[in-house]
């Protein structure tokens, strides 16, 4: 690392940005993002996949081309069946097509099988059909929520055990909740289908977010060790820690986001549908939001809680009194000036000293010759 590089200058404190001091700005940005996420969930509910809402799934052998997905959708829509606007068509490799619809009656199943068979140029009996009940999706949801709850509890316990600081666990969980709500709200906003791959992605980003937060908190703990013997307040030491790990956090996030962006691009624009798109979007949004929360939310929130502790309040007041004494001390020493007049040293207020006196040469007292001294 070059001694004059940006990372080195941030680490040693030559340059620094006051992340902690501008916490109201970051809180406002997050509040707006959270509000948008909540409104999206209220007015544009999540687009649950067939695994959660139940429905019918058809699988047929076909030679996949660039128009297979659109052709399959058009074939289903041509049947004029009610409530078939949310048909999901995906391709599996280059030899199969999968069509997902709402729950169908026996006659509707026969019609859809015939349309898919015509498209695939095969017999209806070669089109596989599966009915997925909504109860299975409810089981997945309940297990996912249970896994999330266990994850949160374990995170609280592990962070307390590692840092020996309960407030770090609270700040870390608050950052995780922030990341989770914004990611889910973004899903609702763009209308992507929520599938098991989405749940995997959401649980994965919680790990990424927690990693970034632990890295920052570890440096905060190092900088605030023996804080009462230093000249820094808790906020100043924590802010310095944030600047010291800033470049590392940015590099980690960029390196992690680049392959995820490739997965998202392939799933959304090349394959069109499928688990890659759902997984890629959850990871892409969650990793960016997680990096943001570890710097701009978790650390300022931790600092705000720690500054309310009596010991830190007393330390902050002590540093303020020390700084005040250092400011007033030079002023006190400048109130008295020293001058030589008539062979005597005279102390007088600095305001009484004239410019001419300050500029006049120093006069040494003259003793009379020995012949003229009184004997």
Protein backbone atom coordinates (compact mmCIF):
# COMPACT_ATOMS: atom_id res chain seq x y z
CA UNK A 1 0.00 0.00 0.00
CA UNK A 2 1.44 3.35 -0.97
CA UNK A 3 2.11 5.61 2.00
CA UNK A 4 0.24 8.47 0.31
CA UNK A 5 -2.63 6.37 -1.01
CA UNK A 6 -6.25 7.05 -0.15
CA UNK A 7 -6.65 3.90 1.94
CA UNK A 8 -3.53 4.71 3.98
CA UNK A 9 -4.58 8.33 4.53
CA UNK A 10 -8.01 7.19 5.71
CA UNK A 11 -6.47 4.60 8.01
CA UNK A 12 -4.04 6.97 9.75
CA UNK A 13 -6.62 9.75 9.93
CA UNK A 14 -4.99 12.24 7.55
CA UNK A 15 -8.36 12.58 5.85
CA UNK A 16 -11.68 11.69 7.37
CA UNK A 17 -15.38 12.11 6.74
CA UNK A 18 -17.74 12.60 9.66
CA UNK A 19 -20.11 9.68 9.10
CA UNK A 20 -21.25 9.68 12.71
CA UNK A 21 -21.76 13.42 12.91
CA UNK A 22 -24.08 13.36 9.87
CA UNK A 23 -26.20 10.52 11.22
CA UNK A 24 -29.42 12.55 10.92
CA UNK A 25 -28.86 12.72 7.16
CA UNK A 26 -28.40 8.93 6.91
CA UNK A 27 -31.42 8.32 9.12
CA UNK A 28 -33.50 10.52 6.83
CA UNK A 29 -32.34 8.69 3.70
CA UNK A 30 -33.13 5.32 5.28
CA UNK A 31 -36.49 6.55 6.56
CA UNK A 32 -37.48 7.58 3.03
CA UNK A 33 -36.34 4.23 1.62
CA UNK A 34 -38.22 2.31 4.33
CA UNK A 35 -41.35 4.37 3.72
CA UNK A 36 -41.23 3.59 0.01
CA UNK A 37 -40.75 -0.11 0.82
CA UNK A 38 -43.74 -0.17 3.18
CA UNK A 39 -45.97 1.68 0.70
CA UNK A 40 -44.93 -0.73 -2.04
CA UNK A 41 -45.86 -3.70 0.13
CA UNK A 42 -49.22 -2.13 1.00
CA UNK A 43 -50.31 -0.95 -2.46
CA UNK A 44 -48.41 -3.46 -4.58
CA UNK A 45 -48.32 -6.77 -2.67
CA UNK A 46 -45.63 -9.33 -3.33
CA UNK A 47 -46.02 -11.40 -6.46
CA UNK A 48 -45.92 -14.82 -4.83
CA UNK A 49 -44.76 -17.70 -6.99
CA UNK A 50 -46.66 -20.91 -7.51
CA UNK A 51 -44.77 -22.50 -4.63
CA UNK A 52 -46.51 -20.12 -2.20
CA UNK A 53 -49.94 -19.50 -3.71
CA UNK A 54 -50.46 -22.95 -5.25
CA UNK A 55 -51.36 -23.74 -8.85
CA UNK A 56 -50.71 -26.05 -11.78
CA UNK A 57 -47.35 -26.80 -13.36
CA UNK A 58 -46.87 -28.29 -16.86
CA UNK A 59 -43.61 -29.65 -18.25
CA UNK A 60 -43.22 -30.56 -21.91
CA UNK A 61 -40.32 -31.58 -24.18
CA UNK A 62 -39.61 -28.95 -26.82
CA UNK A 63 -36.76 -27.57 -28.86
CA UNK A 64 -36.16 -24.23 -27.17
CA UNK A 65 -35.77 -21.19 -29.39
CA UNK A 66 -35.69 -17.46 -28.77
CA UNK A 67 -39.49 -17.29 -29.14
CA UNK A 68 -40.46 -20.33 -27.07
CA UNK A 69 -41.48 -18.37 -23.98
CA UNK A 70 -43.65 -15.90 -25.92
CA UNK A 71 -45.16 -18.65 -28.06
CA UNK A 72 -46.17 -20.64 -24.98
CA UNK A 73 -47.78 -17.60 -23.35
CA UNK A 74 -49.69 -16.77 -26.52
CA UNK A 75 -50.89 -20.37 -26.80
CA UNK A 76 -52.28 -20.32 -23.24
CA UNK A 77 -53.86 -16.89 -23.64
CA UNK A 78 -55.54 -18.01 -26.87
CA UNK A 79 -57.63 -20.46 -24.80
CA UNK A 80 -59.50 -17.47 -23.31
CA UNK A 81 -59.57 -19.03 -19.85
CA UNK A 82 -60.41 -16.67 -16.96
CA UNK A 83 -57.68 -15.30 -14.68
CA UNK A 84 -54.79 -16.47 -16.81
CA UNK A 85 -52.90 -13.18 -17.03
CA UNK A 86 -50.19 -14.28 -14.59
CA UNK A 87 -48.96 -17.33 -16.50
CA UNK A 88 -45.27 -17.97 -15.91
CA UNK A 89 -43.27 -19.68 -18.65
CA UNK A 90 -39.66 -20.79 -18.19
CA UNK A 91 -37.30 -22.91 -20.23
CA UNK A 92 -35.18 -25.69 -18.74
CA UNK A 93 -32.03 -26.12 -20.72
CA UNK A 94 -32.69 -26.37 -24.45
CA UNK A 95 -35.13 -29.30 -24.40
CA UNK A 96 -37.96 -28.46 -21.98
CA UNK A 97 -40.50 -25.75 -21.26
CA UNK A 98 -42.31 -25.22 -17.97
CA UNK A 99 -45.68 -23.48 -17.72
CA UNK A 100 -47.15 -22.40 -14.37
CA UNK A 101 -50.77 -21.29 -13.98
CA UNK A 102 -53.38 -20.88 -11.29
CA UNK A 103 -55.23 -23.92 -9.96
CA UNK A 104 -57.26 -25.41 -12.86
CA UNK A 105 -60.34 -27.56 -13.19
CA UNK A 106 -60.17 -30.94 -14.91
CA UNK A 107 -61.46 -29.51 -18.21
CA UNK A 108 -59.04 -26.57 -18.04
CA UNK A 109 -56.14 -28.94 -17.43
CA UNK A 110 -57.04 -30.86 -20.60
CA UNK A 111 -57.25 -27.63 -22.61
CA UNK A 112 -53.90 -26.34 -21.40
CA UNK A 113 -52.25 -29.72 -22.01
CA UNK A 114 -53.54 -29.71 -25.56
CA UNK A 115 -52.27 -26.18 -26.23
CA UNK A 116 -48.81 -27.00 -24.88
CA UNK A 117 -48.70 -30.29 -26.79
CA UNK A 118 -49.56 -28.47 -30.02
CA UNK A 119 -46.78 -25.98 -29.38
CA UNK A 120 -44.29 -28.75 -28.58
CA UNK A 121 -45.50 -30.90 -31.49
CA UNK A 122 -46.13 -33.89 -29.24
CA UNK A 123 -49.02 -35.79 -27.68
CA UNK A 124 -50.90 -34.39 -24.63
CA UNK A 125 -49.90 -37.50 -22.66
CA UNK A 126 -46.26 -36.40 -22.99
CA UNK A 127 -47.00 -33.18 -21.12
CA UNK A 128 -46.34 -33.73 -17.40
CA UNK A 129 -48.79 -32.11 -14.97
CA UNK A 130 -48.41 -31.38 -11.26
CA UNK A 131 -50.84 -29.73 -8.89
CA UNK A 132 -49.16 -27.66 -6.17
CA UNK A 133 -51.31 -26.92 -3.14
CA UNK A 134 -51.13 -23.64 -1.25
CA UNK A 135 -50.50 -25.56 1.98
CA UNK A 136 -47.04 -26.51 0.73
CA UNK A 137 -46.25 -22.84 0.22
CA UNK A 138 -47.48 -22.08 3.73
CA UNK A 139 -45.10 -24.69 5.10
CA UNK A 140 -42.20 -23.12 3.23
CA UNK A 141 -43.15 -19.68 4.52
CA UNK A 142 -43.45 -20.82 8.13
CA UNK A 143 -40.11 -22.62 7.98
CA UNK A 144 -38.46 -19.59 6.41
CA UNK A 145 -39.82 -17.33 9.17
CA UNK A 146 -38.68 -19.84 11.79
CA UNK A 147 -35.21 -19.92 10.22
CA UNK A 148 -35.11 -16.11 10.22
CA UNK A 149 -36.09 -15.96 13.89
CA UNK A 150 -33.43 -18.52 14.85
CA UNK A 151 -30.87 -16.59 12.80
CA UNK A 152 -31.67 -13.33 14.59
CA UNK A 153 -31.43 -14.93 18.04
CA UNK A 154 -28.11 -16.59 17.20
CA UNK A 155 -26.74 -13.33 15.83
CA UNK A 156 -27.62 -11.52 19.05
CA UNK A 157 -25.97 -14.22 21.17
CA UNK A 158 -22.84 -14.49 19.02
CA UNK A 159 -22.32 -10.73 18.79
CA UNK A 160 -22.69 -10.41 22.55
CA UNK A 161 -20.27 -13.29 23.11
CA UNK A 162 -17.71 -11.87 20.67
CA UNK A 163 -17.91 -8.16 21.48
CA UNK A 164 -19.16 -8.43 25.07
CA UNK A 165 -21.42 -5.53 24.19
CA UNK A 166 -25.21 -5.88 24.04
CA UNK A 167 -25.65 -2.55 22.23
CA UNK A 168 -23.60 -3.83 19.29
CA UNK A 169 -26.03 -6.71 18.94
CA UNK A 170 -28.99 -4.31 18.98
CA UNK A 171 -27.41 -2.06 16.35
CA UNK A 172 -26.51 -5.06 14.19
CA UNK A 173 -30.07 -6.45 14.30
CA UNK A 174 -31.49 -3.02 13.49
CA UNK A 175 -29.27 -2.90 10.40
CA UNK A 176 -30.40 -6.41 9.39
CA UNK A 177 -34.07 -5.43 9.73
CA UNK A 178 -33.35 -2.31 7.65
CA UNK A 179 -31.78 -4.41 4.88
CA UNK A 180 -34.52 -7.04 4.91
CA UNK A 181 -37.42 -4.59 4.68
CA UNK A 182 -35.86 -2.53 1.88
CA UNK A 183 -35.03 -5.65 -0.15
CA UNK A 184 -38.53 -7.11 0.22
CA UNK A 185 -40.05 -3.72 -0.58
CA UNK A 186 -37.96 -3.48 -3.72
CA UNK A 187 -39.26 -6.89 -4.77
CA UNK A 188 -42.81 -5.62 -4.38
CA UNK A 189 -41.97 -2.45 -6.29
CA UNK A 190 -40.54 -4.18 -9.37
CA UNK A 191 -43.06 -7.03 -9.29
CA UNK A 192 -40.60 -9.92 -9.50
CA UNK A 193 -41.99 -13.30 -8.49
CA UNK A 194 -41.18 -14.47 -4.97
CA UNK A 195 -39.90 -18.03 -5.13
CA UNK A 196 -37.84 -20.31 -2.86
CA UNK A 197 -34.78 -18.89 -4.63
CA UNK A 198 -35.83 -15.47 -3.34
CA UNK A 199 -35.87 -16.76 0.23
CA UNK A 200 -32.42 -18.24 -0.25
CA UNK A 201 -31.18 -14.90 -1.56
CA UNK A 202 -32.73 -12.95 1.32
CA UNK A 203 -31.20 -15.21 3.95
CA UNK A 204 -27.86 -14.97 2.15
CA UNK A 205 -27.81 -11.17 2.16
CA UNK A 206 -28.36 -11.19 5.90
CA UNK A 207 -25.05 -12.99 6.18
CA UNK A 208 -23.31 -10.45 3.94
CA UNK A 209 -24.79 -7.54 5.88
CA UNK A 210 -23.79 -9.07 9.19
CA UNK A 211 -20.23 -9.62 7.94
CA UNK A 212 -19.84 -5.96 6.97
CA UNK A 213 -21.25 -4.82 10.31
CA UNK A 214 -18.95 -7.11 12.31
CA UNK A 215 -15.90 -5.80 10.41
CA UNK A 216 -16.80 -2.21 11.30
CA UNK A 217 -17.69 -3.03 14.91
CA UNK A 218 -14.44 -4.93 15.38
CA UNK A 219 -12.49 -1.81 14.43
CA UNK A 220 -14.73 0.33 16.65
CA UNK A 221 -13.95 -1.95 19.59
CA UNK A 222 -10.23 -1.69 18.87
CA UNK A 223 -10.33 2.12 18.68
CA UNK A 224 -12.46 2.52 21.82
CA UNK A 225 -10.33 0.25 23.99
CA UNK A 226 -9.09 2.24 27.02
CA UNK A 227 -11.09 5.18 25.69
CA UNK A 228 -10.95 7.04 29.03
CA UNK A 229 -7.19 7.41 28.67
CA UNK A 230 -7.40 8.96 25.20
CA UNK A 231 -8.28 12.42 23.94
CA UNK A 232 -11.14 11.13 21.76
CA UNK A 233 -14.83 10.83 22.51
CA UNK A 234 -16.63 7.60 21.63
CA UNK A 235 -18.13 9.24 18.54
CA UNK A 236 -14.73 10.42 17.31
CA UNK A 237 -13.11 7.01 17.85
CA UNK A 238 -16.00 5.19 16.15
CA UNK A 239 -15.97 7.59 13.22
CA UNK A 240 -12.25 7.04 12.77
CA UNK A 241 -12.86 3.28 12.76
CA UNK A 242 -15.51 3.71 10.05
CA UNK A 243 -13.08 5.65 7.87
CA UNK A 244 -10.35 3.07 8.43
CA UNK A 245 -12.49 0.18 7.12
CA UNK A 246 -14.30 2.21 4.44
CA UNK A 247 -12.08 1.19 1.53
CA UNK A 248 -12.12 -2.45 2.61
CA UNK A 249 -15.92 -2.47 2.81
CA UNK A 250 -16.25 -0.82 -0.61
CA UNK A 251 -13.83 -3.27 -2.21
CA UNK A 252 -15.58 -6.28 -0.66
CA UNK A 253 -18.98 -5.05 -1.81
CA UNK A 254 -17.86 -4.28 -5.37
CA UNK A 255 -16.13 -7.64 -5.75
CA UNK A 256 -19.21 -9.41 -4.44
CA UNK A 257 -21.75 -7.41 -6.46
CA UNK A 258 -20.07 -7.84 -9.86
CA UNK A 259 -20.71 -11.61 -10.24
CA UNK A 260 -24.19 -11.16 -8.74
CA UNK A 261 -24.92 -8.51 -11.36
CA UNK A 262 -23.89 -11.00 -14.04
CA UNK A 263 -26.28 -13.60 -12.55
CA UNK A 264 -29.09 -11.04 -12.48
CA UNK A 265 -28.43 -9.98 -16.07
CA UNK A 266 -28.39 -13.58 -17.29
CA UNK A 267 -31.56 -14.45 -15.40
CA UNK A 268 -33.54 -11.34 -16.35
CA UNK A 269 -32.43 -10.65 -19.93
CA UNK A 270 -31.09 -13.93 -21.31
CA UNK A 271 -33.21 -16.62 -19.66
CA UNK A 272 -36.18 -14.36 -19.04
CA UNK A 273 -37.63 -16.36 -16.15
CA UNK A 274 -36.35 -18.74 -13.54
CA UNK A 275 -34.59 -18.94 -10.19
CA UNK A 276 -31.46 -17.08 -11.35
CA UNK A 277 -33.41 -13.86 -11.78
CA UNK A 278 -35.07 -14.16 -8.37
CA UNK A 279 -31.84 -15.10 -6.60
CA UNK A 280 -29.81 -12.45 -8.45
CA UNK A 281 -32.17 -9.58 -7.60
CA UNK A 282 -32.30 -10.45 -3.90
CA UNK A 283 -28.51 -10.67 -3.69
CA UNK A 284 -27.88 -7.54 -5.77
CA UNK A 285 -30.18 -5.27 -3.79
CA UNK A 286 -29.40 -6.83 -0.42
CA UNK A 287 -25.61 -6.63 -0.72
CA UNK A 288 -25.68 -2.95 -1.68
CA UNK A 289 -28.14 -2.07 1.08
CA UNK A 290 -26.15 -4.19 3.55
CA UNK A 291 -22.93 -2.32 2.82
CA UNK A 292 -24.78 0.98 3.24
CA UNK A 293 -26.35 0.02 6.56
CA UNK A 294 -23.09 -1.19 8.13
CA UNK A 295 -21.46 2.22 7.53
CA UNK A 296 -24.34 4.68 7.69
CA UNK A 297 -26.82 3.03 10.06
CA UNK A 298 -25.25 0.44 12.38
CA UNK A 299 -22.24 2.48 13.52
CA UNK A 300 -24.06 5.82 14.04
CA UNK A 301 -26.83 3.99 15.92
CA UNK A 302 -24.30 2.21 18.13
CA UNK A 303 -22.52 5.50 18.79
CA UNK A 304 -25.76 7.24 19.70
CA UNK A 305 -26.56 4.56 22.29
CA UNK A 306 -23.03 4.47 23.72
CA UNK A 307 -22.82 8.24 24.12
CA UNK A 308 -25.76 8.06 26.53
CA UNK A 309 -23.75 5.97 29.01
CA UNK A 310 -22.71 7.92 32.15
CA UNK A 311 -19.04 7.03 31.73
CA UNK A 312 -18.93 8.38 28.18
CA UNK A 313 -20.86 11.50 29.19
CA UNK A 314 -18.33 12.20 31.94
CA UNK A 315 -15.42 11.52 29.58
CA UNK A 316 -16.86 13.87 26.98
CA UNK A 317 -17.33 16.63 29.58
CA UNK A 318 -13.79 16.13 30.87
CA UNK A 319 -12.37 16.51 27.37
CA UNK A 320 -14.44 19.68 26.89
CA UNK A 321 -13.07 21.19 30.11
CA UNK A 322 -9.52 20.28 29.10
CA UNK A 323 -9.99 21.91 25.70
CA UNK A 324 -11.37 25.03 27.37
CA UNK A 325 -8.35 25.30 29.65
CA UNK A 326 -6.01 24.98 26.69
CA UNK A 327 -7.78 27.84 24.95
CA UNK A 328 -7.77 30.20 27.93
CA UNK A 329 -4.19 29.49 29.10
CA UNK A 330 -2.38 31.38 26.29
CA UNK A 331 -4.69 34.35 26.77
CA UNK A 332 -3.82 34.53 30.48
CA UNK A 333 -0.07 34.59 29.82
CA UNK A 334 -0.38 37.48 27.38
CA UNK A 335 -1.98 39.83 29.95
CA UNK A 336 1.36 40.90 31.50
CA UNK A 337 4.30 42.51 29.68
CA UNK A 338 7.80 43.07 30.98
CA UNK A 339 9.82 46.27 30.31
CA UNK A 340 13.01 47.93 31.59
CA UNK A 341 12.75 51.56 32.76
CA UNK A 342 15.25 53.53 34.86
CA UNK A 343 17.22 50.42 35.51
CA UNK A 344 14.29 48.55 37.02
CA UNK A 345 12.26 45.65 35.76
CA UNK A 346 8.62 46.70 35.60
CA UNK A 347 5.64 44.38 34.96
CA UNK A 348 2.61 46.05 33.48
CA UNK A 349 -0.52 45.01 31.56
CA UNK A 350 0.11 44.23 27.94
CA UNK A 351 -2.41 46.90 26.94
CA UNK A 352 -0.30 49.56 28.63
CA UNK A 353 2.74 48.85 26.51
CA UNK A 354 2.96 51.32 23.64
CA UNK A 355 4.27 50.67 20.21
CA UNK A 356 7.16 53.02 20.76
CA UNK A 357 8.17 51.20 23.93
CA UNK A 358 8.07 47.90 22.16
CA UNK A 359 10.23 49.27 19.37
CA UNK A 360 12.73 51.23 21.61
CA UNK A 361 16.14 49.68 22.20
CA UNK A 362 16.87 48.22 25.57
CA UNK A 363 18.63 50.69 27.91
CA UNK A 364 21.24 49.32 30.30
CA UNK A 365 21.68 51.20 33.64
CA UNK A 366 24.90 53.25 33.78
CA UNK A 367 27.06 53.28 36.91
CA UNK A 368 29.07 56.50 37.72
CA UNK A 369 32.85 56.35 37.44
CA UNK A 370 34.76 55.25 40.52
CA UNK A 371 36.31 58.71 41.00
CA UNK A 372 32.88 60.26 41.38
CA UNK A 373 31.49 57.70 43.75
CA UNK A 374 31.03 58.84 47.31
CA UNK A 375 33.57 57.47 49.60
